[in-house]
């Protein structure tokens, strides 16, 4: 064996005092409630709302039980809760618009507006599903991915 330093030396530039960059990956630890890994608990905050409201229950549970020092989990819980709220508001809006389409005076107008509304609703629901899946993947990987608009609110209040 030679007396050469292990692989990775000399240390990369940009790290004062030498050494290696801090490890990246999911944060380590368990939740106080249920004892789940932090990344798995954060993933549960993004499960789509159609799955027995798991995201709502998990988000409220983590916000109520986790200390403020656990910013990772509190951020994902609050962002998941806000995403759930956005989904509810969008659902209410489409229900109101659907009622308006049903009250159209002619059958042709009712069918046309109803079909157009259904297509727009399908696109919006698919976009929400994509955001939920991306949130689940990013949370499980230990990243704090901010959803536009609501991510900043979650970051300030986590």
N, C-alpha and C. Protein backbone atom coordinates (compact mmCIF):
# COMPACT_ATOMS: atom_id res chain seq x y z
N UNK A 1 0.84 -1.18 0.00
CA UNK A 1 0.00 0.00 0.00
C UNK A 1 0.88 1.24 0.00
N UNK A 2 0.44 2.22 -0.70
CA UNK A 2 1.17 3.47 -0.71
C UNK A 2 0.59 4.42 0.33
N UNK A 3 1.29 5.49 0.55
CA UNK A 3 0.83 6.48 1.52
C UNK A 3 0.07 7.61 0.85
N UNK A 4 -0.58 7.33 -0.26
CA UNK A 4 -1.34 8.36 -0.95
C UNK A 4 -2.67 8.57 -0.24
N UNK A 5 -3.15 9.83 -0.27
CA UNK A 5 -4.46 10.09 0.36
C UNK A 5 -5.56 9.39 -0.42
N UNK A 6 -6.70 9.15 0.21
CA UNK A 6 -7.81 8.48 -0.48
C UNK A 6 -8.33 9.31 -1.64
N UNK A 7 -9.16 8.70 -2.44
CA UNK A 7 -9.75 9.37 -3.60
C UNK A 7 -10.43 10.66 -3.17
N UNK A 8 -10.42 11.63 -4.05
CA UNK A 8 -11.10 12.88 -3.77
C UNK A 8 -10.16 13.97 -3.31
N UNK A 9 -8.89 13.65 -3.11
CA UNK A 9 -7.93 14.67 -2.73
C UNK A 9 -7.22 15.14 -3.96
N UNK A 10 -6.82 16.33 -4.08
CA UNK A 10 -7.05 17.41 -3.15
C UNK A 10 -8.53 17.76 -3.09
N UNK A 11 -8.96 18.36 -1.97
CA UNK A 11 -10.39 18.69 -1.83
C UNK A 11 -10.82 19.69 -2.89
N UNK A 12 -12.06 19.62 -3.29
CA UNK A 12 -12.55 20.54 -4.31
C UNK A 12 -12.48 21.98 -3.83
N UNK A 13 -12.24 22.88 -4.78
CA UNK A 13 -12.17 24.29 -4.42
C UNK A 13 -13.55 24.79 -4.01
N UNK A 14 -13.58 25.81 -3.19
CA UNK A 14 -14.85 26.38 -2.76
C UNK A 14 -15.27 25.89 -1.39
N UNK A 15 -14.52 24.95 -0.82
CA UNK A 15 -14.82 24.47 0.51
C UNK A 15 -13.69 24.90 1.43
N UNK A 16 -13.88 25.98 2.19
CA UNK A 16 -12.80 26.51 3.02
C UNK A 16 -12.33 25.48 4.02
N UNK A 17 -11.01 25.45 4.19
CA UNK A 17 -10.42 24.53 5.17
C UNK A 17 -10.36 23.11 4.66
N UNK A 18 -10.62 22.90 3.38
CA UNK A 18 -10.57 21.55 2.83
C UNK A 18 -11.82 20.78 3.20
N UNK A 19 -11.76 19.52 3.03
CA UNK A 19 -12.90 18.68 3.35
C UNK A 19 -13.80 18.48 2.15
N UNK A 20 -14.91 17.89 2.40
CA UNK A 20 -15.84 17.55 1.35
C UNK A 20 -17.16 18.28 1.58
N UNK A 21 -17.96 18.40 0.52
CA UNK A 21 -19.25 19.06 0.71
C UNK A 21 -20.11 18.27 1.67
N UNK A 22 -21.03 18.94 2.34
CA UNK A 22 -21.91 18.22 3.26
C UNK A 22 -22.74 17.20 2.50
N UNK A 23 -23.06 16.08 3.13
CA UNK A 23 -23.84 15.07 2.43
C UNK A 23 -25.23 15.59 2.10
N UNK A 24 -25.70 15.25 0.93
CA UNK A 24 -27.06 15.64 0.56
C UNK A 24 -27.93 14.40 0.55
N UNK A 25 -29.17 14.58 0.66
CA UNK A 25 -30.09 13.46 0.70
C UNK A 25 -31.18 13.74 1.70
N UNK A 26 -32.01 12.76 1.93
CA UNK A 26 -33.12 12.96 2.86
C UNK A 26 -32.62 13.24 4.27
N UNK A 27 -33.30 14.13 4.98
CA UNK A 27 -32.92 14.39 6.36
C UNK A 27 -33.16 13.15 7.22
N UNK A 28 -32.33 12.99 8.20
CA UNK A 28 -32.41 11.81 9.05
C UNK A 28 -33.24 12.12 10.29
N UNK A 29 -33.95 11.14 10.76
CA UNK A 29 -34.72 11.30 11.98
C UNK A 29 -36.11 10.72 11.84
N UNK A 30 -36.82 10.69 12.93
CA UNK A 30 -38.18 10.14 12.98
C UNK A 30 -39.13 11.19 13.52
N UNK A 31 -40.37 11.11 13.08
CA UNK A 31 -41.38 12.04 13.57
C UNK A 31 -41.77 11.66 15.00
N UNK A 32 -42.26 12.65 15.74
CA UNK A 32 -42.71 12.38 17.10
C UNK A 32 -44.02 11.60 17.10
N UNK A 33 -44.83 11.82 16.09
CA UNK A 33 -46.12 11.14 15.97
C UNK A 33 -45.96 10.04 14.92
N UNK A 34 -46.17 8.81 15.25
CA UNK A 34 -46.08 7.62 14.41
C UNK A 34 -44.66 7.14 14.14
N UNK A 35 -43.64 7.92 14.43
CA UNK A 35 -42.26 7.48 14.27
C UNK A 35 -41.84 7.20 12.83
N UNK A 36 -42.36 7.95 11.88
CA UNK A 36 -41.99 7.77 10.47
C UNK A 36 -40.72 8.55 10.14
N UNK A 37 -39.99 8.10 9.12
CA UNK A 37 -38.85 8.88 8.64
C UNK A 37 -39.36 10.21 8.12
N UNK A 38 -38.53 11.25 8.24
CA UNK A 38 -38.95 12.59 7.83
C UNK A 38 -39.35 12.65 6.36
N UNK A 39 -38.58 11.98 5.50
CA UNK A 39 -38.91 12.06 4.07
C UNK A 39 -40.21 11.33 3.75
N UNK A 40 -40.48 10.23 4.41
CA UNK A 40 -41.75 9.52 4.18
C UNK A 40 -42.93 10.33 4.72
N UNK A 41 -42.74 10.96 5.87
CA UNK A 41 -43.80 11.80 6.43
C UNK A 41 -44.08 12.99 5.51
N UNK A 42 -43.02 13.58 4.94
CA UNK A 42 -43.21 14.70 4.00
C UNK A 42 -43.92 14.23 2.74
N UNK A 43 -43.61 13.03 2.28
CA UNK A 43 -44.29 12.47 1.10
C UNK A 43 -45.79 12.36 1.34
N UNK A 44 -46.19 11.96 2.54
CA UNK A 44 -47.61 11.79 2.84
C UNK A 44 -48.39 13.10 2.76
N UNK A 45 -47.70 14.22 2.88
CA UNK A 45 -48.37 15.52 2.81
C UNK A 45 -48.82 15.87 1.39
N UNK A 46 -48.36 15.12 0.39
CA UNK A 46 -48.70 15.41 -1.00
C UNK A 46 -49.56 14.33 -1.66
N UNK A 47 -49.97 13.32 -0.92
CA UNK A 47 -50.85 12.30 -1.50
C UNK A 47 -52.12 13.00 -1.98
N UNK A 48 -52.54 12.77 -3.22
CA UNK A 48 -53.73 13.49 -3.72
C UNK A 48 -54.93 13.34 -2.79
N UNK A 49 -55.72 14.39 -2.68
CA UNK A 49 -56.84 14.45 -1.75
C UNK A 49 -57.91 13.40 -1.97
N UNK A 50 -57.95 12.80 -3.16
CA UNK A 50 -58.97 11.79 -3.43
C UNK A 50 -58.67 10.48 -2.68
N UNK A 51 -57.50 10.35 -2.09
CA UNK A 51 -57.10 9.14 -1.36
C UNK A 51 -57.40 9.27 0.12
N UNK A 52 -58.65 9.34 0.48
CA UNK A 52 -59.11 9.35 1.87
C UNK A 52 -58.56 10.51 2.69
N UNK A 53 -58.25 11.61 2.06
CA UNK A 53 -57.77 12.81 2.73
C UNK A 53 -56.49 12.57 3.53
N UNK A 54 -55.65 11.66 3.07
CA UNK A 54 -54.39 11.36 3.77
C UNK A 54 -53.53 12.61 3.88
N UNK A 55 -53.48 13.41 2.80
CA UNK A 55 -52.64 14.61 2.82
C UNK A 55 -53.11 15.61 3.87
N UNK A 56 -54.40 15.78 4.00
CA UNK A 56 -54.94 16.71 4.99
C UNK A 56 -54.63 16.23 6.41
N UNK A 57 -54.86 14.96 6.67
CA UNK A 57 -54.62 14.40 8.00
C UNK A 57 -53.14 14.45 8.35
N UNK A 58 -52.28 14.05 7.41
CA UNK A 58 -50.84 14.05 7.67
C UNK A 58 -50.32 15.47 7.88
N UNK A 59 -50.75 16.41 7.04
CA UNK A 59 -50.27 17.78 7.16
C UNK A 59 -50.65 18.39 8.51
N UNK A 60 -51.88 18.21 8.91
CA UNK A 60 -52.33 18.75 10.20
C UNK A 60 -51.59 18.06 11.35
N UNK A 61 -51.39 16.75 11.25
CA UNK A 61 -50.70 16.01 12.31
C UNK A 61 -49.26 16.48 12.46
N UNK A 62 -48.55 16.67 11.34
CA UNK A 62 -47.14 17.08 11.44
C UNK A 62 -47.03 18.53 11.92
N UNK A 63 -47.95 19.39 11.49
CA UNK A 63 -47.90 20.78 11.96
C UNK A 63 -48.20 20.87 13.45
N UNK A 64 -49.05 19.98 13.95
CA UNK A 64 -49.43 20.02 15.36
C UNK A 64 -48.39 19.37 16.27
N UNK A 65 -47.64 18.39 15.76
CA UNK A 65 -46.77 17.62 16.65
C UNK A 65 -45.28 17.89 16.48
N UNK A 66 -44.85 18.34 15.33
CA UNK A 66 -43.42 18.51 15.10
C UNK A 66 -42.93 19.86 15.62
N UNK A 67 -41.75 19.89 16.22
CA UNK A 67 -41.22 21.16 16.73
C UNK A 67 -40.83 22.10 15.59
N UNK A 68 -40.76 23.37 15.90
CA UNK A 68 -40.41 24.38 14.89
C UNK A 68 -39.01 24.16 14.32
N UNK A 69 -38.17 23.46 15.03
CA UNK A 69 -36.81 23.23 14.55
C UNK A 69 -36.79 22.28 13.34
N UNK A 70 -37.83 21.52 13.14
CA UNK A 70 -37.91 20.60 12.01
C UNK A 70 -38.54 21.34 10.82
N UNK A 71 -37.79 22.27 10.24
CA UNK A 71 -38.31 23.10 9.15
C UNK A 71 -38.65 22.28 7.91
N UNK A 72 -37.90 21.23 7.65
CA UNK A 72 -38.14 20.41 6.46
C UNK A 72 -39.55 19.85 6.46
N UNK A 73 -39.90 19.17 7.53
CA UNK A 73 -41.22 18.53 7.58
C UNK A 73 -42.34 19.56 7.72
N UNK A 74 -42.11 20.60 8.51
CA UNK A 74 -43.14 21.64 8.66
C UNK A 74 -43.38 22.37 7.34
N UNK A 75 -42.32 22.59 6.55
CA UNK A 75 -42.48 23.24 5.25
C UNK A 75 -43.37 22.38 4.35
N UNK A 76 -43.06 21.09 4.26
CA UNK A 76 -43.84 20.22 3.38
C UNK A 76 -45.27 20.04 3.89
N UNK A 77 -45.45 20.01 5.20
CA UNK A 77 -46.80 19.89 5.76
C UNK A 77 -47.63 21.12 5.42
N UNK A 78 -47.04 22.30 5.57
CA UNK A 78 -47.79 23.53 5.28
C UNK A 78 -48.04 23.68 3.78
N UNK A 79 -47.03 23.35 2.98
CA UNK A 79 -47.23 23.45 1.53
C UNK A 79 -48.27 22.43 1.05
N UNK A 80 -48.26 21.22 1.61
CA UNK A 80 -49.26 20.22 1.26
C UNK A 80 -50.66 20.66 1.68
N UNK A 81 -50.75 21.29 2.85
CA UNK A 81 -52.04 21.79 3.32
C UNK A 81 -52.56 22.91 2.41
N UNK A 82 -51.67 23.81 2.01
CA UNK A 82 -52.08 24.89 1.10
C UNK A 82 -52.46 24.33 -0.28
N UNK A 83 -51.74 23.31 -0.74
CA UNK A 83 -52.09 22.68 -2.02
C UNK A 83 -53.45 22.01 -1.94
N UNK A 84 -53.75 21.39 -0.81
CA UNK A 84 -55.08 20.81 -0.60
C UNK A 84 -56.15 21.90 -0.66
N UNK A 85 -55.88 23.04 -0.02
CA UNK A 85 -56.83 24.15 -0.04
C UNK A 85 -57.05 24.69 -1.45
N UNK A 86 -55.98 24.78 -2.24
CA UNK A 86 -56.12 25.22 -3.63
C UNK A 86 -57.01 24.25 -4.40
N UNK A 87 -56.81 22.95 -4.17
CA UNK A 87 -57.65 21.95 -4.85
C UNK A 87 -59.11 22.07 -4.48
N UNK A 88 -59.39 22.34 -3.21
CA UNK A 88 -60.78 22.51 -2.76
C UNK A 88 -61.41 23.75 -3.40
N UNK A 89 -60.66 24.85 -3.42
CA UNK A 89 -61.19 26.09 -4.02
C UNK A 89 -61.45 25.89 -5.51
N UNK A 90 -60.54 25.23 -6.20
CA UNK A 90 -60.74 24.97 -7.64
C UNK A 90 -61.95 24.07 -7.84
N UNK A 91 -62.13 23.08 -6.98
CA UNK A 91 -63.31 22.21 -7.09
C UNK A 91 -64.61 22.97 -6.89
N UNK A 92 -64.62 23.88 -5.93
CA UNK A 92 -65.82 24.70 -5.69
C UNK A 92 -66.12 25.59 -6.89
N UNK A 93 -65.07 26.18 -7.45
CA UNK A 93 -65.25 27.04 -8.63
C UNK A 93 -65.85 26.24 -9.79
N UNK A 94 -65.35 25.04 -10.02
CA UNK A 94 -65.90 24.24 -11.11
C UNK A 94 -67.33 23.78 -10.83
N UNK A 95 -67.65 23.56 -9.57
CA UNK A 95 -69.04 23.21 -9.23
C UNK A 95 -69.98 24.37 -9.54
N UNK A 96 -69.56 25.58 -9.20
CA UNK A 96 -70.38 26.76 -9.47
C UNK A 96 -70.52 26.98 -10.97
N UNK A 97 -69.40 26.84 -11.69
CA UNK A 97 -69.46 27.00 -13.15
C UNK A 97 -70.32 25.91 -13.79
N UNK A 98 -70.28 24.71 -13.25
CA UNK A 98 -71.11 23.62 -13.77
C UNK A 98 -72.59 23.89 -13.56
N UNK A 99 -72.92 24.48 -12.43
CA UNK A 99 -74.31 24.85 -12.17
C UNK A 99 -74.77 25.91 -13.16
N UNK A 100 -73.87 26.86 -13.45
CA UNK A 100 -74.19 27.90 -14.43
C UNK A 100 -74.39 27.31 -15.82
N UNK A 101 -73.56 26.33 -16.17
CA UNK A 101 -73.70 25.69 -17.49
C UNK A 101 -75.00 24.90 -17.57
N UNK A 102 -75.44 24.31 -16.44
CA UNK A 102 -76.68 23.54 -16.44
C UNK A 102 -77.90 24.44 -16.57
N UNK A 103 -77.78 25.69 -16.21
CA UNK A 103 -78.90 26.62 -16.28
C UNK A 103 -78.98 27.36 -17.61
N UNK A 104 -78.11 26.99 -18.56
CA UNK A 104 -78.16 27.62 -19.89
C UNK A 104 -79.52 27.30 -20.52
N UNK A 105 -80.19 28.31 -21.16
CA UNK A 105 -81.57 28.12 -21.61
C UNK A 105 -81.75 27.09 -22.73
N UNK A 106 -80.77 26.86 -23.56
CA UNK A 106 -80.99 25.91 -24.67
C UNK A 106 -80.19 24.64 -24.45
N UNK A 107 -80.68 23.56 -25.06
CA UNK A 107 -79.99 22.28 -24.94
C UNK A 107 -78.62 22.31 -25.61
N UNK A 108 -78.51 22.98 -26.74
CA UNK A 108 -77.23 23.07 -27.45
C UNK A 108 -76.23 23.86 -26.61
N UNK A 109 -76.66 24.96 -26.04
CA UNK A 109 -75.79 25.77 -25.19
C UNK A 109 -75.36 25.02 -23.95
N UNK A 110 -76.28 24.25 -23.38
CA UNK A 110 -75.97 23.46 -22.20
C UNK A 110 -74.93 22.39 -22.51
N UNK A 111 -75.10 21.70 -23.62
CA UNK A 111 -74.17 20.64 -24.00
C UNK A 111 -72.80 21.22 -24.35
N UNK A 112 -72.78 22.30 -25.10
CA UNK A 112 -71.51 22.90 -25.50
C UNK A 112 -70.73 23.46 -24.33
N UNK A 113 -71.40 24.20 -23.48
CA UNK A 113 -70.70 24.79 -22.34
C UNK A 113 -70.30 23.72 -21.34
N UNK A 114 -71.13 22.70 -21.19
CA UNK A 114 -70.79 21.61 -20.28
C UNK A 114 -69.58 20.83 -20.75
N UNK A 115 -69.48 20.57 -22.06
CA UNK A 115 -68.34 19.83 -22.61
C UNK A 115 -67.05 20.65 -22.49
N UNK A 116 -67.15 21.94 -22.80
CA UNK A 116 -65.98 22.81 -22.68
C UNK A 116 -65.51 22.88 -21.23
N UNK A 117 -66.44 23.03 -20.32
CA UNK A 117 -66.11 23.08 -18.90
C UNK A 117 -65.47 21.77 -18.44
N UNK A 118 -65.99 20.65 -18.92
CA UNK A 118 -65.44 19.35 -18.55
C UNK A 118 -64.00 19.20 -19.05
N UNK A 119 -63.71 19.67 -20.24
CA UNK A 119 -62.36 19.59 -20.78
C UNK A 119 -61.39 20.46 -19.99
N UNK A 120 -61.81 21.66 -19.65
CA UNK A 120 -60.96 22.56 -18.86
C UNK A 120 -60.73 21.97 -17.47
N UNK A 121 -61.77 21.42 -16.88
CA UNK A 121 -61.64 20.81 -15.55
C UNK A 121 -60.69 19.62 -15.59
N UNK A 122 -60.75 18.83 -16.63
CA UNK A 122 -59.86 17.68 -16.77
C UNK A 122 -58.40 18.12 -16.84
N UNK A 123 -58.12 19.17 -17.60
CA UNK A 123 -56.75 19.69 -17.71
C UNK A 123 -56.27 20.21 -16.36
N UNK A 124 -57.10 20.94 -15.65
CA UNK A 124 -56.71 21.50 -14.36
C UNK A 124 -56.48 20.38 -13.34
N UNK A 125 -57.33 19.38 -13.34
CA UNK A 125 -57.17 18.26 -12.41
C UNK A 125 -55.88 17.49 -12.72
N UNK A 126 -55.57 17.30 -13.98
CA UNK A 126 -54.32 16.61 -14.34
C UNK A 126 -53.10 17.43 -13.93
N UNK A 127 -53.17 18.75 -14.08
CA UNK A 127 -52.07 19.61 -13.63
C UNK A 127 -51.89 19.51 -12.11
N UNK A 128 -52.98 19.51 -11.38
CA UNK A 128 -52.89 19.35 -9.93
C UNK A 128 -52.30 17.99 -9.55
N UNK A 129 -52.67 16.96 -10.29
CA UNK A 129 -52.11 15.63 -10.03
C UNK A 129 -50.61 15.60 -10.28
N UNK A 130 -50.17 16.26 -11.34
CA UNK A 130 -48.73 16.34 -11.64
C UNK A 130 -47.99 17.07 -10.52
N UNK A 131 -48.56 18.16 -10.02
CA UNK A 131 -47.94 18.91 -8.92
C UNK A 131 -47.86 18.03 -7.67
N UNK A 132 -48.90 17.26 -7.40
CA UNK A 132 -48.89 16.35 -6.25
C UNK A 132 -47.78 15.31 -6.40
N UNK A 133 -47.64 14.72 -7.58
CA UNK A 133 -46.63 13.68 -7.79
C UNK A 133 -45.22 14.27 -7.68
N UNK A 134 -45.00 15.44 -8.28
CA UNK A 134 -43.69 16.09 -8.17
C UNK A 134 -43.38 16.39 -6.70
N UNK A 135 -44.37 16.89 -5.97
CA UNK A 135 -44.18 17.16 -4.54
C UNK A 135 -43.82 15.90 -3.77
N UNK A 136 -44.47 14.79 -4.09
CA UNK A 136 -44.17 13.53 -3.41
C UNK A 136 -42.74 13.08 -3.68
N UNK A 137 -42.32 13.16 -4.93
CA UNK A 137 -40.97 12.73 -5.31
C UNK A 137 -39.92 13.62 -4.65
N UNK A 138 -40.11 14.92 -4.74
CA UNK A 138 -39.14 15.87 -4.16
C UNK A 138 -39.07 15.72 -2.65
N UNK A 139 -40.19 15.54 -1.99
CA UNK A 139 -40.19 15.38 -0.54
C UNK A 139 -39.47 14.10 -0.14
N UNK A 140 -39.69 13.03 -0.87
CA UNK A 140 -39.04 11.76 -0.54
C UNK A 140 -37.53 11.83 -0.77
N UNK A 141 -37.11 12.66 -1.72
CA UNK A 141 -35.69 12.83 -1.99
C UNK A 141 -35.03 13.78 -0.99
N UNK A 142 -35.79 14.41 -0.14
CA UNK A 142 -35.25 15.31 0.86
C UNK A 142 -35.06 16.73 0.38
N UNK A 143 -35.70 17.09 -0.72
CA UNK A 143 -35.57 18.44 -1.27
C UNK A 143 -36.76 19.29 -0.84
N UNK A 144 -36.52 20.59 -0.75
CA UNK A 144 -37.62 21.51 -0.44
C UNK A 144 -37.99 22.26 -1.71
N UNK A 145 -38.79 21.64 -2.52
CA UNK A 145 -39.26 22.21 -3.78
C UNK A 145 -40.44 23.12 -3.50
N UNK A 146 -40.34 24.35 -3.96
CA UNK A 146 -41.41 25.32 -3.72
C UNK A 146 -42.37 25.34 -4.90
N UNK A 147 -43.63 25.14 -4.60
CA UNK A 147 -44.69 25.30 -5.60
C UNK A 147 -44.88 26.80 -5.79
N UNK A 148 -44.98 27.28 -7.03
CA UNK A 148 -45.15 28.72 -7.23
C UNK A 148 -46.33 29.27 -6.40
N UNK A 149 -46.14 30.43 -5.85
CA UNK A 149 -47.09 31.18 -5.02
C UNK A 149 -47.22 30.60 -3.62
N UNK A 150 -47.63 29.34 -3.48
CA UNK A 150 -47.86 28.82 -2.14
C UNK A 150 -46.58 28.36 -1.46
N UNK A 151 -45.54 28.10 -2.23
CA UNK A 151 -44.27 27.68 -1.65
C UNK A 151 -43.63 28.77 -0.81
N UNK A 152 -43.75 30.02 -1.25
CA UNK A 152 -43.20 31.14 -0.49
C UNK A 152 -43.96 31.33 0.83
N UNK A 153 -45.26 31.15 0.79
CA UNK A 153 -46.08 31.27 2.01
C UNK A 153 -45.67 30.17 2.99
N UNK A 154 -45.50 28.96 2.49
CA UNK A 154 -45.11 27.85 3.35
C UNK A 154 -43.73 28.07 3.92
N UNK A 155 -42.81 28.60 3.13
CA UNK A 155 -41.45 28.83 3.59
C UNK A 155 -41.39 29.88 4.70
N UNK A 156 -42.18 30.92 4.57
CA UNK A 156 -42.19 31.98 5.59
C UNK A 156 -42.78 31.51 6.91
N UNK A 157 -43.75 30.62 6.85
CA UNK A 157 -44.50 30.22 8.06
C UNK A 157 -44.11 28.86 8.62
N UNK A 158 -43.16 28.18 8.00
CA UNK A 158 -42.78 26.83 8.48
C UNK A 158 -42.04 26.88 9.79
